[in-house]
Amino acid sequence: MILYSFRRCPWAMRARLALRYAGCDVEIREVSLKHKPAELLALSPKGTVPVLDTGTGVLEESLDIMRWALDRHDPQDWRLLDDPPAAARAEVLIARNDTDFKAQVNRYKYAERYPEHSREHYRRQAETWLAELEGLLAQRPFLLADHPSLADAALMPLLRQFAGVEPQWFAEAAYPRLRRWLQGWLASELFTAIMAKQP
């Protein structure tokens, strides 16, 4: 199996998280987004990462790759099969992360491309989401359970990107639980492993 990836891409990051967690034996091929390899484009003409060649099929979306991996091995119940209502809430959180919050992060990170408002304005827009996640973490160490779930792994890379725009602001903002949750992920052996540099 081959995963075409880009180390800093949040979507590729979460695919690698799930594949590593599930123990899938996957070769990681780091892609230069300016010089996409012909093999990648042959598998997926849109040319975005991640793309997983399973040997029997091709998966072109990070969530599909995550679910595929968890279908093979899910030792900590990331899918929340023991708690169907929480599993349903996970899907809602992920959908909002991948649409609304993604758009907010893009404007916040690249505020110069959206000069109609200031970076601070875009940050304030995103704070509604941060506050909601902070509230979820007031009840338990992870977003929906006492252990990591698909939602945690799927949301974390974009939260990491958001926190990196103005690190000092994030370090001092009124979201201590969210900060602790993110730091826990970033310090984990799992995250360290999937961020190892590839040629």
C-alpha atoms as a PDB file:
ATOM      1  CA  MET A   1       0.000   0.000   0.000  1.00  0.00           C
ATOM      2  CA  ILE A   2       1.230   3.482  -0.860  1.00  0.00           C
ATOM      3  CA  LEU A   3       0.117   6.788   0.645  1.00  0.00           C
ATOM      4  CA  TYR A   4       0.905   9.923  -1.320  1.00  0.00           C
ATOM      5  CA  SER A   5       1.274  12.605   1.289  1.00  0.00           C
ATOM      6  CA  PHE A   6       2.576  16.073   2.119  1.00  0.00           C
ATOM      7  CA  ARG A   7       3.999  16.349   5.622  1.00  0.00           C
ATOM      8  CA  ARG A   8       2.395  19.650   6.677  1.00  0.00           C
ATOM      9  CA  CYS A   9      -0.982  19.188   4.989  1.00  0.00           C
ATOM     10  CA  PRO A  10      -3.636  18.749   7.720  1.00  0.00           C
ATOM     11  CA  TRP A  11      -5.659  16.344   5.577  1.00  0.00           C
ATOM     12  CA  ALA A  12      -2.658  14.145   4.854  1.00  0.00           C
ATOM     13  CA  MET A  13      -1.678  14.406   8.521  1.00  0.00           C
ATOM     14  CA  ARG A  14      -4.932  12.927   9.750  1.00  0.00           C
ATOM     15  CA  ALA A  15      -4.786  10.145   7.183  1.00  0.00           C
ATOM     16  CA  ARG A  16      -1.310   9.236   8.431  1.00  0.00           C
ATOM     17  CA  LEU A  17      -2.549   9.354  12.040  1.00  0.00           C
ATOM     18  CA  ALA A  18      -5.270   6.795  11.397  1.00  0.00           C
ATOM     19  CA  LEU A  19      -3.070   4.533   9.287  1.00  0.00           C
ATOM     20  CA  ARG A  20      -0.331   4.518  11.928  1.00  0.00           C
ATOM     21  CA  TYR A  21      -2.795   4.031  14.787  1.00  0.00           C
ATOM     22  CA  ALA A  22      -4.403   1.099  12.964  1.00  0.00           C
ATOM     23  CA  GLY A  23      -1.019  -0.481  12.281  1.00  0.00           C
ATOM     24  CA  CYS A  24      -1.414  -0.467   8.513  1.00  0.00           C
ATOM     25  CA  ASP A  25       1.774  -1.334   6.632  1.00  0.00           C
ATOM     26  CA  VAL A  26       1.899   1.646   4.290  1.00  0.00           C
ATOM     27  CA  GLU A  27       4.740   3.180   2.307  1.00  0.00           C
ATOM     28  CA  ILE A  28       4.626   6.978   2.640  1.00  0.00           C
ATOM     29  CA  ARG A  29       5.605   8.895  -0.477  1.00  0.00           C
ATOM     30  CA  GLU A  30       6.196  12.561   0.236  1.00  0.00           C
ATOM     31  CA  VAL A  31       4.989  14.674  -2.681  1.00  0.00           C
ATOM     32  CA  SER A  32       6.291  18.017  -3.887  1.00  0.00           C
ATOM     33  CA  LEU A  33       3.079  19.906  -4.569  1.00  0.00           C
ATOM     34  CA  LYS A  34       4.891  21.973  -7.210  1.00  0.00           C
ATOM     35  CA  HIS A  35       6.116  18.860  -9.014  1.00  0.00           C
ATOM     36  CA  LYS A  36       3.455  16.203  -8.565  1.00  0.00           C
ATOM     37  CA  PRO A  37       4.592  12.746  -9.654  1.00  0.00           C
ATOM     38  CA  ALA A  38       3.001  11.094 -12.653  1.00  0.00           C
ATOM     39  CA  GLU A  39       2.076   8.053 -10.516  1.00  0.00           C
ATOM     40  CA  LEU A  40      -0.044  10.260  -8.238  1.00  0.00           C
ATOM     41  CA  LEU A  41      -1.796  11.963 -11.144  1.00  0.00           C
ATOM     42  CA  ALA A  42      -2.490   8.612 -12.773  1.00  0.00           C
ATOM     43  CA  LEU A  43      -4.249   7.449  -9.611  1.00  0.00           C
ATOM     44  CA  SER A  44      -5.974  10.744  -8.863  1.00  0.00           C
ATOM     45  CA  PRO A  45      -6.120  13.350 -11.643  1.00  0.00           C
ATOM     46  CA  LYS A  46      -7.104  16.107  -9.178  1.00  0.00           C
ATOM     47  CA  GLY A  47      -3.595  15.807  -7.785  1.00  0.00           C
ATOM     48  CA  THR A  48      -4.337  16.595  -4.150  1.00  0.00           C
ATOM     49  CA  VAL A  49      -3.094  14.666  -1.144  1.00  0.00           C
ATOM     50  CA  PRO A  50      -3.658  12.368   0.591  1.00  0.00           C
ATOM     51  CA  VAL A  51      -4.205   9.557  -1.874  1.00  0.00           C
ATOM     52  CA  LEU A  52      -4.007   5.930  -0.759  1.00  0.00           C
ATOM     53  CA  ASP A  53      -3.364   3.127  -3.225  1.00  0.00           C
ATOM     54  CA  THR A  54      -4.552   0.072  -1.298  1.00  0.00           C
ATOM     55  CA  GLY A  55      -3.500  -2.337  -4.021  1.00  0.00           C
ATOM     56  CA  THR A  56      -7.142  -3.125  -4.708  1.00  0.00           C
ATOM     57  CA  GLY A  57      -8.469   0.418  -5.010  1.00  0.00           C
ATOM     58  CA  VAL A  58      -7.731   4.111  -4.569  1.00  0.00           C
ATOM     59  CA  LEU A  59      -8.961   6.382  -1.781  1.00  0.00           C
ATOM     60  CA  GLU A  60      -8.724  10.123  -2.457  1.00  0.00           C
ATOM     61  CA  GLU A  61     -10.265  11.689   0.652  1.00  0.00           C
ATOM     62  CA  SER A  62      -8.672  11.816   4.086  1.00  0.00           C
ATOM     63  CA  LEU A  63     -11.816  10.749   5.937  1.00  0.00           C
ATOM     64  CA  ASP A  64     -12.273   7.767   3.622  1.00  0.00           C
ATOM     65  CA  ILE A  65      -8.682   6.758   4.352  1.00  0.00           C
ATOM     66  CA  MET A  66      -9.231   7.150   8.102  1.00  0.00           C
ATOM     67  CA  ARG A  67     -12.382   5.035   8.067  1.00  0.00           C
ATOM     68  CA  TRP A  68     -10.715   2.417   5.860  1.00  0.00           C
ATOM     69  CA  ALA A  69      -7.866   2.141   8.370  1.00  0.00           C
ATOM     70  CA  LEU A  70     -10.197   1.923  11.369  1.00  0.00           C
ATOM     71  CA  ASP A  71     -12.224  -0.790   9.661  1.00  0.00           C
ATOM     72  CA  ARG A  72      -9.060  -2.886   9.768  1.00  0.00           C
ATOM     73  CA  HIS A  73      -7.978  -2.246  13.329  1.00  0.00           C
ATOM     74  CA  ASP A  74      -9.387   0.069  15.989  1.00  0.00           C
ATOM     75  CA  PRO A  75      -7.970  -0.973  19.378  1.00  0.00           C
ATOM     76  CA  GLN A  76      -9.180   2.102  21.302  1.00  0.00           C
ATOM     77  CA  ASP A  77     -12.602   2.356  19.616  1.00  0.00           C
ATOM     78  CA  TRP A  78     -11.930   5.600  17.772  1.00  0.00           C
ATOM     79  CA  ARG A  79     -15.169   4.948  15.881  1.00  0.00           C
ATOM     80  CA  LEU A  80     -17.113   5.065  19.187  1.00  0.00           C
ATOM     81  CA  LEU A  81     -19.012   1.884  18.303  1.00  0.00           C
ATOM     82  CA  ASP A  82     -19.899   1.476  21.982  1.00  0.00           C
ATOM     83  CA  ASP A  83     -21.606   4.894  21.995  1.00  0.00           C
ATOM     84  CA  PRO A  84     -23.681   5.475  18.828  1.00  0.00           C
ATOM     85  CA  PRO A  85     -24.919   8.953  19.883  1.00  0.00           C
ATOM     86  CA  ALA A  86     -21.321  10.075  20.377  1.00  0.00           C
ATOM     87  CA  ALA A  87     -20.388   8.559  17.007  1.00  0.00           C
ATOM     88  CA  ALA A  88     -23.155  10.610  15.406  1.00  0.00           C
ATOM     89  CA  ARG A  89     -21.896  13.760  17.150  1.00  0.00           C
ATOM     90  CA  ALA A  90     -18.421  12.988  15.827  1.00  0.00           C
ATOM     91  CA  GLU A  91     -19.717  13.098  12.263  1.00  0.00           C
ATOM     92  CA  VAL A  92     -21.324  16.503  12.893  1.00  0.00           C
ATOM     93  CA  LEU A  93     -18.137  17.915  14.421  1.00  0.00           C
ATOM     94  CA  ILE A  94     -15.990  16.652  11.577  1.00  0.00           C
ATOM     95  CA  ALA A  95     -18.351  18.090   8.947  1.00  0.00           C
ATOM     96  CA  ARG A  96     -18.266  21.520  10.585  1.00  0.00           C
ATOM     97  CA  ASN A  97     -14.493  21.368  10.978  1.00  0.00           C
ATOM     98  CA  ASP A  98     -14.057  20.504   7.311  1.00  0.00           C
ATOM     99  CA  THR A  99     -16.350  23.261   6.040  1.00  0.00           C
ATOM    100  CA  ASP A 100     -16.908  26.237   8.353  1.00  0.00           C
ATOM    101  CA  PHE A 101     -13.709  26.063  10.405  1.00  0.00           C
ATOM    102  CA  LYS A 102     -11.575  25.255   7.365  1.00  0.00           C
ATOM    103  CA  ALA A 103     -12.806  28.443   5.680  1.00  0.00           C
ATOM    104  CA  GLN A 104     -12.150  30.459   8.846  1.00  0.00           C
ATOM    105  CA  VAL A 105      -8.616  29.097   9.184  1.00  0.00           C
ATOM    106  CA  ASN A 106      -7.870  29.924   5.548  1.00  0.00           C
ATOM    107  CA  ARG A 107      -8.960  33.535   6.012  1.00  0.00           C
ATOM    108  CA  TYR A 108      -7.158  33.836   9.329  1.00  0.00           C
ATOM    109  CA  LYS A 109      -3.901  32.305   8.085  1.00  0.00           C
ATOM    110  CA  TYR A 110      -3.922  34.135   4.756  1.00  0.00           C
ATOM    111  CA  ALA A 111      -5.590  37.369   5.890  1.00  0.00           C
ATOM    112  CA  GLU A 112      -3.626  39.383   3.323  1.00  0.00           C
ATOM    113  CA  ARG A 113      -5.585  37.576   0.607  1.00  0.00           C
ATOM    114  CA  TYR A 114      -8.878  38.688   2.187  1.00  0.00           C
ATOM    115  CA  PRO A 115      -8.262  42.398   2.807  1.00  0.00           C
ATOM    116  CA  GLU A 116     -11.937  43.208   3.403  1.00  0.00           C
ATOM    117  CA  HIS A 117     -11.324  42.348   7.080  1.00  0.00           C
ATOM    118  CA  SER A 118      -8.401  42.153   9.488  1.00  0.00           C
ATOM    119  CA  ARG A 119      -6.698  39.003  10.727  1.00  0.00           C
ATOM    120  CA  GLU A 120      -8.155  39.769  14.159  1.00  0.00           C
ATOM    121  CA  HIS A 121     -11.655  39.791  12.661  1.00  0.00           C
ATOM    122  CA  TYR A 122     -11.143  36.342  11.133  1.00  0.00           C
ATOM    123  CA  ARG A 123      -9.719  35.060  14.407  1.00  0.00           C
ATOM    124  CA  ARG A 124     -12.769  36.295  16.311  1.00  0.00           C
ATOM    125  CA  GLN A 125     -15.031  34.497  13.853  1.00  0.00           C
ATOM    126  CA  ALA A 126     -13.249  31.232  14.617  1.00  0.00           C
ATOM    127  CA  GLU A 127     -13.471  31.705  18.369  1.00  0.00           C
ATOM    128  CA  THR A 128     -17.072  30.484  18.464  1.00  0.00           C
ATOM    129  CA  TRP A 129     -15.748  27.094  17.394  1.00  0.00           C
ATOM    130  CA  LEU A 130     -12.863  27.214  19.860  1.00  0.00           C
ATOM    131  CA  ALA A 131     -15.282  27.998  22.686  1.00  0.00           C
ATOM    132  CA  GLU A 132     -17.509  25.082  21.713  1.00  0.00           C
ATOM    133  CA  LEU A 133     -14.590  22.659  21.737  1.00  0.00           C
ATOM    134  CA  GLU A 134     -13.391  24.099  25.054  1.00  0.00           C
ATOM    135  CA  GLY A 135     -16.850  23.344  26.441  1.00  0.00           C
ATOM    136  CA  LEU A 136     -16.723  19.740  25.244  1.00  0.00           C
ATOM    137  CA  LEU A 137     -13.338  19.295  26.901  1.00  0.00           C
ATOM    138  CA  ALA A 138     -14.710  20.562  30.209  1.00  0.00           C
ATOM    139  CA  GLN A 139     -16.590  17.285  30.500  1.00  0.00           C
ATOM    140  CA  ARG A 140     -13.864  14.771  29.586  1.00  0.00           C
ATOM    141  CA  PRO A 141     -10.226  14.625  28.426  1.00  0.00           C
ATOM    142  CA  PHE A 142     -11.178  14.175  24.765  1.00  0.00           C
ATOM    143  CA  LEU A 143     -13.938  15.690  22.674  1.00  0.00           C
ATOM    144  CA  LEU A 144     -16.525  12.920  22.936  1.00  0.00           C
ATOM    145  CA  ALA A 145     -15.141  10.215  25.220  1.00  0.00           C
ATOM    146  CA  ASP A 146     -12.521   9.417  27.820  1.00  0.00           C
ATOM    147  CA  HIS A 147     -10.259   8.246  25.013  1.00  0.00           C
ATOM    148  CA  PRO A 148      -9.380   9.614  21.568  1.00  0.00           C
ATOM    149  CA  SER A 149     -11.931   9.237  18.811  1.00  0.00           C
ATOM    150  CA  LEU A 150     -12.138   9.788  15.081  1.00  0.00           C
ATOM    151  CA  ALA A 151     -13.304  13.339  15.843  1.00  0.00           C
ATOM    152  CA  ASP A 152     -10.206  14.150  17.887  1.00  0.00           C
ATOM    153  CA  ALA A 153      -7.850  12.813  15.225  1.00  0.00           C
ATOM    154  CA  ALA A 154      -9.767  14.476  12.388  1.00  0.00           C
ATOM    155  CA  LEU A 155      -9.984  17.910  14.051  1.00  0.00           C
ATOM    156  CA  MET A 156      -6.514  18.114  15.559  1.00  0.00           C
ATOM    157  CA  PRO A 157      -4.454  18.921  12.419  1.00  0.00           C
ATOM    158  CA  LEU A 158      -6.562  21.960  11.504  1.00  0.00           C
ATOM    159  CA  LEU A 159      -6.519  23.164  15.128  1.00  0.00           C
ATOM    160  CA  ARG A 160      -2.739  22.833  15.002  1.00  0.00           C
ATOM    161  CA  GLN A 161      -2.666  24.990  11.890  1.00  0.00           C
ATOM    162  CA  PHE A 162      -4.907  27.593  13.523  1.00  0.00           C
ATOM    163  CA  ALA A 163      -2.759  27.705  16.682  1.00  0.00           C
ATOM    164  CA  GLY A 164       0.357  28.249  14.581  1.00  0.00           C
ATOM    165  CA  VAL A 165      -0.875  31.474  12.967  1.00  0.00           C
ATOM    166  CA  GLU A 166      -0.412  33.553  16.130  1.00  0.00           C
ATOM    167  CA  PRO A 167       1.244  31.225  18.656  1.00  0.00           C
ATOM    168  CA  GLN A 168       1.545  33.849  21.376  1.00  0.00           C
ATOM    169  CA  TRP A 169      -2.132  34.740  21.136  1.00  0.00           C
ATOM    170  CA  PHE A 170      -3.146  31.085  21.293  1.00  0.00           C
ATOM    171  CA  ALA A 171      -0.830  30.455  24.261  1.00  0.00           C
ATOM    172  CA  GLU A 172      -2.588  33.214  26.224  1.00  0.00           C
ATOM    173  CA  ALA A 173      -6.166  32.772  24.979  1.00  0.00           C
ATOM    174  CA  ALA A 174      -8.965  31.634  27.258  1.00  0.00           C
ATOM    175  CA  TYR A 175      -8.955  28.045  26.009  1.00  0.00           C
ATOM    176  CA  PRO A 176      -6.738  26.151  28.478  1.00  0.00           C
ATOM    177  CA  ARG A 177      -8.439  22.785  27.948  1.00  0.00           C
ATOM    178  CA  LEU A 178      -8.205  23.040  24.174  1.00  0.00           C
ATOM    179  CA  ARG A 179      -4.551  24.037  24.479  1.00  0.00           C
ATOM    180  CA  ARG A 180      -3.844  21.053  26.768  1.00  0.00           C
ATOM    181  CA  TRP A 181      -5.726  18.706  24.404  1.00  0.00           C
ATOM    182  CA  LEU A 182      -3.705  19.951  21.419  1.00  0.00           C
ATOM    183  CA  GLN A 183      -0.403  19.751  23.279  1.00  0.00           C
ATOM    184  CA  GLY A 184      -1.246  16.206  24.323  1.00  0.00           C
ATOM    185  CA  TRP A 185      -1.625  15.208  20.699  1.00  0.00           C
ATOM    186  CA  LEU A 186       1.504  17.056  19.569  1.00  0.00           C
ATOM    187  CA  ALA A 187       3.600  15.414  22.288  1.00  0.00           C
ATOM    188  CA  SER A 188       2.267  11.912  21.627  1.00  0.00           C
ATOM    189  CA  GLU A 189       4.367   9.128  20.160  1.00  0.00           C
ATOM    190  CA  LEU A 190       1.738   8.694  17.461  1.00  0.00           C
ATOM    191  CA  PHE A 191       2.016  12.282  16.246  1.00  0.00           C
ATOM    192  CA  THR A 192       5.807  12.310  16.489  1.00  0.00           C
ATOM    193  CA  ALA A 193       5.935   9.180  14.352  1.00  0.00           C
ATOM    194  CA  ILE A 194       3.666  10.477  11.600  1.00  0.00           C
ATOM    195  CA  MET A 195       5.607  13.763  11.393  1.00  0.00           C
ATOM    196  CA  ALA A 196       8.951  12.085  10.733  1.00  0.00           C
ATOM    197  CA  LYS A 197      10.481  13.648   7.629  1.00  0.00           C
ATOM    198  CA  GLN A 198      10.390  11.587   4.454  1.00  0.00           C
ATOM    199  CA  PRO A 199      12.634  12.000   1.417  1.00  0.00           C
END
